[in-house]
Amino acid sequence: MEFEQVQEYCREASQIAKHAGKHAGLSFLIGEKFGTNFSLLRKARRKLQFLYPGNDMSEDHPLNQGGRALKVSYAMTVQEHYSEPLEEVKYLESLLADFAKAILATFSQDEIKNYLESSPNLGIGSDPHELQEMENEAEFSVEELLLEAEEILALEDIKKLLLQKKSD
């Protein structure tokens, strides 16, 4: 997706907002378009989450015991086998940053905040029809609870991207 497509989505969301209300426009823009790309970023990041050791890596970690040759070999292997997912993450992060700016230029922070606080369905992790069925059932399965938790975490991450502090 190119940034021109993002701008087209924003124009379309503005038209939807004029005819069907702000919530409908934001559902299209954030719930469908931004949410889909955000979901792709989360999936791409999951592919990479175990490649790089954290800052709290113990002295027992094999990379700390193997010396420079092992570290260089590991870095080269990561670059050779994971360059596509790394590039995808970089691209999606850049696209979402630009997408967030375009959303903020199209709708006010208050409108975005009201939308995000309305517990919107972002379609992250499951089919909207499955979500409706889950809401109608009295009990949730473990998988359904995990999907719900993932949706909540994703919504909080999206809020961080779209709702800037007033001092910014």
N, C-alpha and C. Protein backbone atom coordinates (compact mmCIF):
# COMPACT_ATOMS: atom_id res chain seq x y z
N MET A 1 0.84 -1.17 0.00
CA MET A 1 0.00 0.00 0.00
C MET A 1 0.89 1.24 0.00
N GLU A 2 0.49 2.19 -0.78
CA GLU A 2 1.21 3.46 -0.87
C GLU A 2 0.47 4.51 -0.05
N PHE A 3 1.17 5.60 0.27
CA PHE A 3 0.56 6.66 1.06
C PHE A 3 -0.63 7.30 0.34
N GLU A 4 -0.60 7.30 -0.99
CA GLU A 4 -1.73 7.85 -1.75
C GLU A 4 -3.01 7.06 -1.42
N GLN A 5 -2.87 5.76 -1.19
CA GLN A 5 -4.01 4.93 -0.83
C GLN A 5 -4.54 5.33 0.54
N VAL A 6 -3.63 5.64 1.46
CA VAL A 6 -4.03 6.10 2.80
C VAL A 6 -4.82 7.40 2.68
N GLN A 7 -4.34 8.31 1.86
CA GLN A 7 -5.05 9.58 1.66
C GLN A 7 -6.43 9.35 1.07
N GLU A 8 -6.54 8.39 0.16
CA GLU A 8 -7.84 8.05 -0.43
C GLU A 8 -8.78 7.49 0.64
N TYR A 9 -8.25 6.65 1.52
CA TYR A 9 -9.06 6.12 2.63
C TYR A 9 -9.57 7.26 3.52
N CYS A 10 -8.72 8.24 3.77
CA CYS A 10 -9.13 9.38 4.61
C CYS A 10 -10.23 10.19 3.94
N ARG A 11 -10.10 10.40 2.64
CA ARG A 11 -11.15 11.13 1.90
C ARG A 11 -12.47 10.33 1.94
N GLU A 12 -12.36 9.03 1.74
CA GLU A 12 -13.55 8.18 1.77
C GLU A 12 -14.19 8.19 3.17
N ALA A 13 -13.35 8.14 4.22
CA ALA A 13 -13.87 8.19 5.59
C ALA A 13 -14.57 9.51 5.87
N SER A 14 -14.05 10.60 5.33
CA SER A 14 -14.70 11.91 5.49
C SER A 14 -16.08 11.91 4.85
N GLN A 15 -16.17 11.33 3.66
CA GLN A 15 -17.47 11.24 2.98
C GLN A 15 -18.44 10.37 3.77
N ILE A 16 -17.97 9.25 4.29
CA ILE A 16 -18.81 8.37 5.11
C ILE A 16 -19.28 9.13 6.34
N ALA A 17 -18.37 9.88 6.96
CA ALA A 17 -18.71 10.64 8.17
C ALA A 17 -19.79 11.68 7.87
N LYS A 18 -19.73 12.32 6.71
CA LYS A 18 -20.74 13.32 6.35
C LYS A 18 -22.12 12.69 6.17
N HIS A 19 -22.14 11.49 5.61
CA HIS A 19 -23.42 10.85 5.29
C HIS A 19 -23.95 9.93 6.39
N ALA A 20 -23.05 9.26 7.11
CA ALA A 20 -23.50 8.26 8.09
C ALA A 20 -23.03 8.55 9.51
N GLY A 21 -22.29 9.62 9.72
CA GLY A 21 -21.81 9.99 11.05
C GLY A 21 -20.33 9.70 11.26
N LYS A 22 -19.77 10.40 12.24
CA LYS A 22 -18.33 10.28 12.53
C LYS A 22 -17.93 8.86 12.91
N HIS A 23 -18.79 8.20 13.70
CA HIS A 23 -18.46 6.84 14.14
C HIS A 23 -18.33 5.90 12.94
N ALA A 24 -19.20 6.02 11.97
CA ALA A 24 -19.13 5.18 10.77
C ALA A 24 -17.87 5.47 9.97
N GLY A 25 -17.52 6.76 9.84
CA GLY A 25 -16.29 7.12 9.13
C GLY A 25 -15.06 6.58 9.81
N LEU A 26 -15.03 6.70 11.14
CA LEU A 26 -13.89 6.19 11.90
C LEU A 26 -13.86 4.66 11.92
N SER A 27 -15.02 4.03 11.89
CA SER A 27 -15.07 2.56 11.83
C SER A 27 -14.42 2.08 10.53
N PHE A 28 -14.72 2.78 9.45
CA PHE A 28 -14.11 2.44 8.17
C PHE A 28 -12.60 2.67 8.22
N LEU A 29 -12.21 3.87 8.65
CA LEU A 29 -10.81 4.27 8.58
C LEU A 29 -9.93 3.54 9.60
N ILE A 30 -10.33 3.55 10.86
CA ILE A 30 -9.52 2.92 11.90
C ILE A 30 -9.85 1.44 12.03
N GLY A 31 -11.13 1.14 12.13
CA GLY A 31 -11.55 -0.24 12.35
C GLY A 31 -11.18 -1.17 11.22
N GLU A 32 -11.41 -0.73 10.00
CA GLU A 32 -11.12 -1.60 8.86
C GLU A 32 -9.71 -1.40 8.31
N LYS A 33 -9.41 -0.22 7.85
CA LYS A 33 -8.16 0.01 7.11
C LYS A 33 -6.93 0.06 8.01
N PHE A 34 -6.95 0.91 9.03
CA PHE A 34 -5.80 1.01 9.93
C PHE A 34 -5.65 -0.29 10.72
N GLY A 35 -6.77 -0.84 11.21
CA GLY A 35 -6.74 -2.07 12.00
C GLY A 35 -6.15 -3.23 11.23
N THR A 36 -6.46 -3.34 9.95
CA THR A 36 -5.92 -4.41 9.12
C THR A 36 -4.40 -4.30 9.02
N ASN A 37 -3.90 -3.10 8.76
CA ASN A 37 -2.46 -2.91 8.65
C ASN A 37 -1.77 -3.08 10.00
N PHE A 38 -2.44 -2.67 11.06
CA PHE A 38 -1.89 -2.85 12.40
C PHE A 38 -1.78 -4.34 12.72
N SER A 39 -2.77 -5.10 12.32
CA SER A 39 -2.75 -6.55 12.51
C SER A 39 -1.59 -7.20 11.75
N LEU A 40 -1.35 -6.73 10.53
CA LEU A 40 -0.22 -7.23 9.75
C LEU A 40 1.11 -6.94 10.45
N LEU A 41 1.23 -5.76 11.03
CA LEU A 41 2.45 -5.40 11.76
C LEU A 41 2.64 -6.32 12.97
N ARG A 42 1.58 -6.56 13.71
CA ARG A 42 1.69 -7.44 14.89
C ARG A 42 2.12 -8.84 14.49
N LYS A 43 1.59 -9.35 13.38
CA LYS A 43 1.97 -10.69 12.90
C LYS A 43 3.43 -10.72 12.47
N ALA A 44 3.86 -9.68 11.77
CA ALA A 44 5.25 -9.61 11.33
C ALA A 44 6.20 -9.52 12.53
N ARG A 45 5.81 -8.75 13.53
CA ARG A 45 6.65 -8.64 14.74
C ARG A 45 6.74 -9.97 15.48
N ARG A 46 5.63 -10.72 15.50
CA ARG A 46 5.65 -12.03 16.18
C ARG A 46 6.66 -12.97 15.54
N LYS A 47 6.83 -12.88 14.22
CA LYS A 47 7.80 -13.71 13.52
C LYS A 47 9.22 -13.43 14.01
N LEU A 48 9.44 -12.22 14.47
CA LEU A 48 10.79 -11.78 14.83
C LEU A 48 11.04 -11.73 16.34
N GLN A 49 10.02 -11.97 17.14
CA GLN A 49 10.13 -11.69 18.57
C GLN A 49 11.21 -12.48 19.31
N PHE A 50 11.60 -13.62 18.81
CA PHE A 50 12.60 -14.42 19.52
C PHE A 50 13.98 -14.36 18.87
N LEU A 51 14.12 -13.54 17.84
CA LEU A 51 15.40 -13.47 17.15
C LEU A 51 16.46 -12.71 17.94
N TYR A 52 16.03 -11.68 18.62
CA TYR A 52 16.99 -10.83 19.31
C TYR A 52 16.84 -10.99 20.81
N PRO A 53 17.93 -11.31 21.48
CA PRO A 53 17.85 -11.45 22.93
C PRO A 53 17.55 -10.10 23.59
N GLY A 54 16.86 -10.15 24.69
CA GLY A 54 16.50 -8.92 25.41
C GLY A 54 17.68 -8.36 26.18
N ASN A 55 17.46 -7.21 26.76
CA ASN A 55 18.50 -6.54 27.55
C ASN A 55 18.82 -7.31 28.82
N ASP A 56 17.88 -8.13 29.28
CA ASP A 56 18.09 -8.89 30.52
C ASP A 56 18.68 -10.28 30.26
N MET A 57 19.41 -10.41 29.15
CA MET A 57 20.01 -11.68 28.77
C MET A 57 21.05 -12.08 29.83
N SER A 58 20.92 -13.30 30.34
CA SER A 58 21.83 -13.77 31.39
C SER A 58 23.21 -14.10 30.82
N GLU A 59 24.16 -14.24 31.73
CA GLU A 59 25.52 -14.61 31.31
C GLU A 59 25.57 -16.03 30.78
N ASP A 60 24.55 -16.83 31.11
CA ASP A 60 24.49 -18.22 30.65
C ASP A 60 23.99 -18.34 29.21
N HIS A 61 23.46 -17.26 28.67
CA HIS A 61 22.90 -17.31 27.33
C HIS A 61 23.99 -17.73 26.35
N PRO A 62 23.66 -18.62 25.41
CA PRO A 62 24.67 -19.11 24.45
C PRO A 62 25.39 -18.01 23.68
N LEU A 63 24.70 -16.91 23.37
CA LEU A 63 25.38 -15.83 22.65
C LEU A 63 26.44 -15.15 23.51
N ASN A 64 26.27 -15.17 24.82
CA ASN A 64 27.28 -14.59 25.70
C ASN A 64 28.45 -15.55 25.91
N GLN A 65 28.23 -16.83 25.70
CA GLN A 65 29.29 -17.81 25.93
C GLN A 65 30.06 -18.16 24.66
N GLY A 66 29.50 -17.87 23.51
CA GLY A 66 30.09 -18.30 22.25
C GLY A 66 31.16 -17.40 21.70
N GLY A 67 31.30 -16.23 22.23
CA GLY A 67 32.32 -15.32 21.72
C GLY A 67 31.87 -14.57 20.47
N ARG A 68 32.79 -13.80 19.94
CA ARG A 68 32.52 -12.92 18.80
C ARG A 68 32.12 -13.70 17.55
N ALA A 69 32.77 -14.82 17.28
CA ALA A 69 32.48 -15.60 16.07
C ALA A 69 31.02 -16.06 16.05
N LEU A 70 30.52 -16.52 17.20
CA LEU A 70 29.13 -16.96 17.27
C LEU A 70 28.17 -15.79 17.07
N LYS A 71 28.49 -14.66 17.68
CA LYS A 71 27.63 -13.48 17.54
C LYS A 71 27.57 -13.00 16.09
N VAL A 72 28.70 -13.00 15.42
CA VAL A 72 28.74 -12.58 14.02
C VAL A 72 27.97 -13.58 13.17
N SER A 73 28.17 -14.87 13.42
CA SER A 73 27.47 -15.90 12.67
C SER A 73 25.95 -15.78 12.88
N TYR A 74 25.54 -15.54 14.11
CA TYR A 74 24.13 -15.38 14.43
C TYR A 74 23.55 -14.18 13.69
N ALA A 75 24.26 -13.06 13.72
CA ALA A 75 23.80 -11.85 13.05
C ALA A 75 23.67 -12.07 11.54
N MET A 76 24.63 -12.77 10.95
CA MET A 76 24.58 -13.04 9.52
C MET A 76 23.41 -13.98 9.17
N THR A 77 23.16 -14.97 10.02
CA THR A 77 22.05 -15.89 9.81
C THR A 77 20.72 -15.15 9.88
N VAL A 78 20.58 -14.29 10.87
CA VAL A 78 19.35 -13.51 11.00
C VAL A 78 19.16 -12.66 9.76
N GLN A 79 20.20 -11.99 9.32
CA GLN A 79 20.11 -11.12 8.14
C GLN A 79 19.75 -11.92 6.90
N GLU A 80 20.35 -13.10 6.75
CA GLU A 80 20.11 -13.92 5.56
C GLU A 80 18.69 -14.50 5.53
N HIS A 81 18.23 -14.99 6.65
CA HIS A 81 16.96 -15.72 6.68
C HIS A 81 15.76 -14.87 7.09
N TYR A 82 15.99 -13.73 7.68
CA TYR A 82 14.88 -12.93 8.19
C TYR A 82 14.87 -11.51 7.63
N SER A 83 15.55 -11.30 6.53
CA SER A 83 15.58 -9.94 5.97
C SER A 83 14.20 -9.50 5.49
N GLU A 84 13.41 -10.41 4.91
CA GLU A 84 12.07 -10.03 4.46
C GLU A 84 11.16 -9.62 5.61
N PRO A 85 11.04 -10.43 6.69
CA PRO A 85 10.21 -9.98 7.81
C PRO A 85 10.72 -8.69 8.45
N LEU A 86 12.05 -8.51 8.51
CA LEU A 86 12.61 -7.27 9.07
C LEU A 86 12.19 -6.07 8.22
N GLU A 87 12.28 -6.21 6.91
CA GLU A 87 11.89 -5.12 6.01
C GLU A 87 10.39 -4.87 6.09
N GLU A 88 9.60 -5.95 6.22
CA GLU A 88 8.16 -5.79 6.34
C GLU A 88 7.78 -5.01 7.60
N VAL A 89 8.45 -5.31 8.72
CA VAL A 89 8.19 -4.59 9.97
C VAL A 89 8.55 -3.12 9.81
N LYS A 90 9.71 -2.83 9.23
CA LYS A 90 10.12 -1.44 9.03
C LYS A 90 9.12 -0.70 8.15
N TYR A 91 8.70 -1.34 7.07
CA TYR A 91 7.75 -0.72 6.15
C TYR A 91 6.41 -0.45 6.84
N LEU A 92 5.88 -1.46 7.54
CA LEU A 92 4.59 -1.30 8.20
C LEU A 92 4.64 -0.26 9.32
N GLU A 93 5.75 -0.21 10.06
CA GLU A 93 5.89 0.82 11.10
C GLU A 93 5.86 2.21 10.49
N SER A 94 6.56 2.39 9.38
CA SER A 94 6.57 3.68 8.70
C SER A 94 5.19 4.01 8.13
N LEU A 95 4.56 3.03 7.51
CA LEU A 95 3.23 3.25 6.95
C LEU A 95 2.22 3.62 8.03
N LEU A 96 2.25 2.91 9.16
CA LEU A 96 1.30 3.19 10.23
C LEU A 96 1.55 4.56 10.87
N ALA A 97 2.81 4.97 10.96
CA ALA A 97 3.10 6.30 11.48
C ALA A 97 2.50 7.38 10.56
N ASP A 98 2.68 7.20 9.25
CA ASP A 98 2.10 8.14 8.29
C ASP A 98 0.57 8.06 8.29
N PHE A 99 0.05 6.84 8.42
CA PHE A 99 -1.39 6.61 8.47
C PHE A 99 -1.98 7.33 9.68
N ALA A 100 -1.32 7.22 10.83
CA ALA A 100 -1.79 7.88 12.05
C ALA A 100 -1.83 9.40 11.85
N LYS A 101 -0.80 9.96 11.23
CA LYS A 101 -0.79 11.40 10.96
C LYS A 101 -1.94 11.80 10.05
N ALA A 102 -2.23 10.98 9.04
CA ALA A 102 -3.32 11.28 8.12
C ALA A 102 -4.67 11.21 8.83
N ILE A 103 -4.83 10.23 9.72
CA ILE A 103 -6.07 10.11 10.49
C ILE A 103 -6.24 11.35 11.37
N LEU A 104 -5.15 11.77 12.02
CA LEU A 104 -5.21 12.94 12.90
C LEU A 104 -5.46 14.23 12.12
N ALA A 105 -5.10 14.25 10.86
CA ALA A 105 -5.38 15.42 10.02
C ALA A 105 -6.82 15.40 9.51
N THR A 106 -7.45 14.23 9.52
CA THR A 106 -8.80 14.09 8.99
C THR A 106 -9.86 14.24 10.08
N PHE A 107 -9.59 13.70 11.27
CA PHE A 107 -10.54 13.74 12.38
C PHE A 107 -9.86 14.36 13.59
N SER A 108 -10.65 14.97 14.46
CA SER A 108 -10.09 15.59 15.67
C SER A 108 -9.71 14.52 16.68
N GLN A 109 -8.83 14.89 17.61
CA GLN A 109 -8.42 13.97 18.68
C GLN A 109 -9.63 13.54 19.50
N ASP A 110 -10.55 14.46 19.77
CA ASP A 110 -11.74 14.11 20.55
C ASP A 110 -12.60 13.08 19.82
N GLU A 111 -12.76 13.25 18.51
CA GLU A 111 -13.55 12.29 17.73
C GLU A 111 -12.89 10.91 17.75
N ILE A 112 -11.58 10.90 17.58
CA ILE A 112 -10.84 9.64 17.59
C ILE A 112 -10.92 8.99 18.97
N LYS A 113 -10.74 9.80 20.01
CA LYS A 113 -10.79 9.29 21.38
C LYS A 113 -12.17 8.70 21.68
N ASN A 114 -13.23 9.40 21.32
CA ASN A 114 -14.59 8.89 21.54
C ASN A 114 -14.80 7.57 20.80
N TYR A 115 -14.31 7.51 19.58
CA TYR A 115 -14.44 6.27 18.81
C TYR A 115 -13.70 5.12 19.50
N LEU A 116 -12.45 5.35 19.86
CA LEU A 116 -11.64 4.29 20.46
C LEU A 116 -12.16 3.87 21.83
N GLU A 117 -12.79 4.79 22.54
CA GLU A 117 -13.35 4.45 23.85
C GLU A 117 -14.71 3.76 23.74
N SER A 118 -15.26 3.67 22.54
CA SER A 118 -16.55 3.00 22.34
C SER A 118 -16.39 1.49 22.17
N SER A 119 -15.19 0.98 22.43
CA SER A 119 -14.89 -0.45 22.27
C SER A 119 -15.19 -0.92 20.85
N PRO A 120 -14.52 -0.31 19.88
CA PRO A 120 -14.80 -0.68 18.49
C PRO A 120 -14.28 -2.07 18.15
N ASN A 121 -14.87 -2.68 17.15
CA ASN A 121 -14.38 -3.95 16.64
C ASN A 121 -13.32 -3.64 15.59
N LEU A 122 -12.09 -3.99 15.90
CA LEU A 122 -11.00 -3.70 14.97
C LEU A 122 -10.71 -4.86 14.05
N GLY A 123 -11.38 -5.98 14.26
CA GLY A 123 -11.17 -7.14 13.39
C GLY A 123 -9.79 -7.72 13.51
N ILE A 124 -9.16 -7.56 14.65
CA ILE A 124 -7.81 -8.10 14.84
C ILE A 124 -7.93 -9.49 15.43
N GLY A 125 -7.46 -10.46 14.67
CA GLY A 125 -7.39 -11.82 15.20
C GLY A 125 -8.58 -12.70 14.90
N SER A 126 -9.70 -12.17 14.45
CA SER A 126 -10.80 -13.06 14.14
C SER A 126 -11.81 -12.40 13.21
N ASP A 127 -12.68 -13.23 12.71
CA ASP A 127 -13.75 -12.83 11.81
C ASP A 127 -14.84 -12.10 12.61
N PRO A 128 -15.37 -10.97 12.11
CA PRO A 128 -16.42 -10.25 12.84
C PRO A 128 -17.65 -11.12 13.14
N HIS A 129 -17.97 -12.06 12.25
CA HIS A 129 -19.11 -12.95 12.50
C HIS A 129 -18.84 -13.85 13.70
N GLU A 130 -17.57 -14.30 13.83
CA GLU A 130 -17.21 -15.12 14.98
C GLU A 130 -17.31 -14.30 16.26
N LEU A 131 -16.91 -13.03 16.21
CA LEU A 131 -17.00 -12.17 17.39
C LEU A 131 -18.46 -12.00 17.82
N GLN A 132 -19.35 -11.84 16.86
CA GLN A 132 -20.76 -11.69 17.19
C GLN A 132 -21.28 -12.97 17.85
N GLU A 133 -20.89 -14.13 17.32
CA GLU A 133 -21.30 -15.40 17.92
C GLU A 133 -20.77 -15.53 19.33
N MET A 134 -19.52 -15.09 19.56
CA MET A 134 -18.93 -15.16 20.89
C MET A 134 -19.72 -14.31 21.87
N GLU A 135 -20.15 -13.12 21.43
CA GLU A 135 -20.89 -12.22 22.32
C GLU A 135 -22.24 -12.82 22.70
N ASN A 136 -22.82 -13.65 21.81
CA ASN A 136 -24.12 -14.24 22.07
C ASN A 136 -24.04 -15.46 23.00
N GLU A 137 -22.85 -16.05 23.13
CA GLU A 137 -22.69 -17.24 23.97
C GLU A 137 -22.47 -16.83 25.42
N ALA A 138 -22.94 -17.68 26.34
CA ALA A 138 -22.81 -17.39 27.77
C ALA A 138 -21.39 -17.62 28.26
N GLU A 139 -20.70 -18.60 27.69
CA GLU A 139 -19.35 -18.92 28.14
C GLU A 139 -18.37 -18.76 27.00
N PHE A 140 -17.14 -18.35 27.35
CA PHE A 140 -16.08 -18.21 26.37
C PHE A 140 -15.13 -19.39 26.48
N SER A 141 -14.61 -19.84 25.36
CA SER A 141 -13.55 -20.84 25.39
C SER A 141 -12.24 -20.11 25.67
N VAL A 142 -11.20 -20.87 25.95
CA VAL A 142 -9.89 -20.27 26.20
C VAL A 142 -9.43 -19.51 24.96
N GLU A 143 -9.63 -20.08 23.79
CA GLU A 143 -9.21 -19.43 22.55
C GLU A 143 -9.96 -18.10 22.36
N GLU A 144 -11.24 -18.10 22.66
CA GLU A 144 -12.04 -16.88 22.53
C GLU A 144 -11.58 -15.81 23.52
N LEU A 145 -11.24 -16.22 24.72
CA LEU A 145 -10.74 -15.27 25.72
C LEU A 145 -9.39 -14.68 25.28
N LEU A 146 -8.54 -15.52 24.71
CA LEU A 146 -7.25 -15.03 24.23
C LEU A 146 -7.43 -14.05 23.07
N LEU A 147 -8.37 -14.33 22.18
CA LEU A 147 -8.65 -13.40 21.08
C LEU A 147 -9.17 -12.06 21.62
N GLU A 148 -10.02 -12.13 22.61
CA GLU A 148 -10.55 -10.91 23.24
C GLU A 148 -9.43 -10.12 23.90
N ALA A 149 -8.54 -10.81 24.59
CA ALA A 149 -7.41 -10.14 25.24
C ALA A 149 -6.48 -9.51 24.20
N GLU A 150 -6.25 -10.22 23.09
CA GLU A 150 -5.41 -9.68 22.03
C GLU A 150 -6.03 -8.42 21.43
N GLU A 151 -7.35 -8.43 21.27
CA GLU A 151 -8.06 -7.26 20.74
C GLU A 151 -7.90 -6.07 21.70
N ILE A 152 -8.00 -6.31 22.99
CA ILE A 152 -7.87 -5.23 23.98
C ILE A 152 -6.46 -4.66 23.96
N LEU A 153 -5.46 -5.53 23.89
CA LEU A 153 -4.07 -5.06 23.84
C LEU A 153 -3.80 -4.28 22.55
N ALA A 154 -4.33 -4.76 21.45
CA ALA A 154 -4.16 -4.05 20.18
C ALA A 154 -4.81 -2.68 20.24
N LEU A 155 -6.00 -2.61 20.82
CA LEU A 155 -6.69 -1.33 20.95
C LEU A 155 -5.86 -0.35 21.78
N GLU A 156 -5.25 -0.83 22.85
CA GLU A 156 -4.40 0.05 23.67
C GLU A 156 -3.19 0.53 22.88
N ASP A 157 -2.59 -0.33 22.06
CA ASP A 157 -1.46 0.08 21.22
C ASP A 157 -1.89 1.11 20.19
N ILE A 158 -3.08 0.91 19.62
CA ILE A 158 -3.60 1.87 18.63
C ILE A 158 -3.87 3.22 19.30
N LYS A 159 -4.38 3.19 20.52
CA LYS A 159 -4.61 4.44 21.25
C LYS A 159 -3.30 5.20 21.43
N LYS A 160 -2.22 4.48 21.73
CA LYS A 160 -0.92 5.14 21.90
C LYS A 160 -0.47 5.81 20.61
N LEU A 161 -0.77 5.19 19.47
CA LEU A 161 -0.37 5.77 18.19
C LEU A 161 -1.23 6.98 17.81
N LEU A 162 -2.51 6.94 18.14
CA LEU A 162 -3.43 7.96 17.65
C LEU A 162 -3.76 9.06 18.65
N LEU A 163 -3.65 8.78 19.92
CA LEU A 163 -4.01 9.79 20.92
C LEU A 163 -2.75 10.37 21.55
N GLN A 164 -2.38 11.52 21.04
CA GLN A 164 -1.17 12.17 21.51
C GLN A 164 -1.47 12.96 22.78
N LYS A 165 -0.44 13.12 23.56
CA LYS A 165 -0.57 13.95 24.77
C LYS A 165 -0.83 15.39 24.35
N LYS A 166 -1.56 16.12 25.18
CA LYS A 166 -1.87 17.53 24.86
C LYS A 166 -0.62 18.40 24.81
N SER A 167 0.48 17.94 25.47
CA SER A 167 1.70 18.74 25.48
C SER A 167 2.52 18.54 24.20
N ASP A 168 2.14 17.54 23.35
CA ASP A 168 2.88 17.31 22.12
C ASP A 168 2.68 18.43 21.11
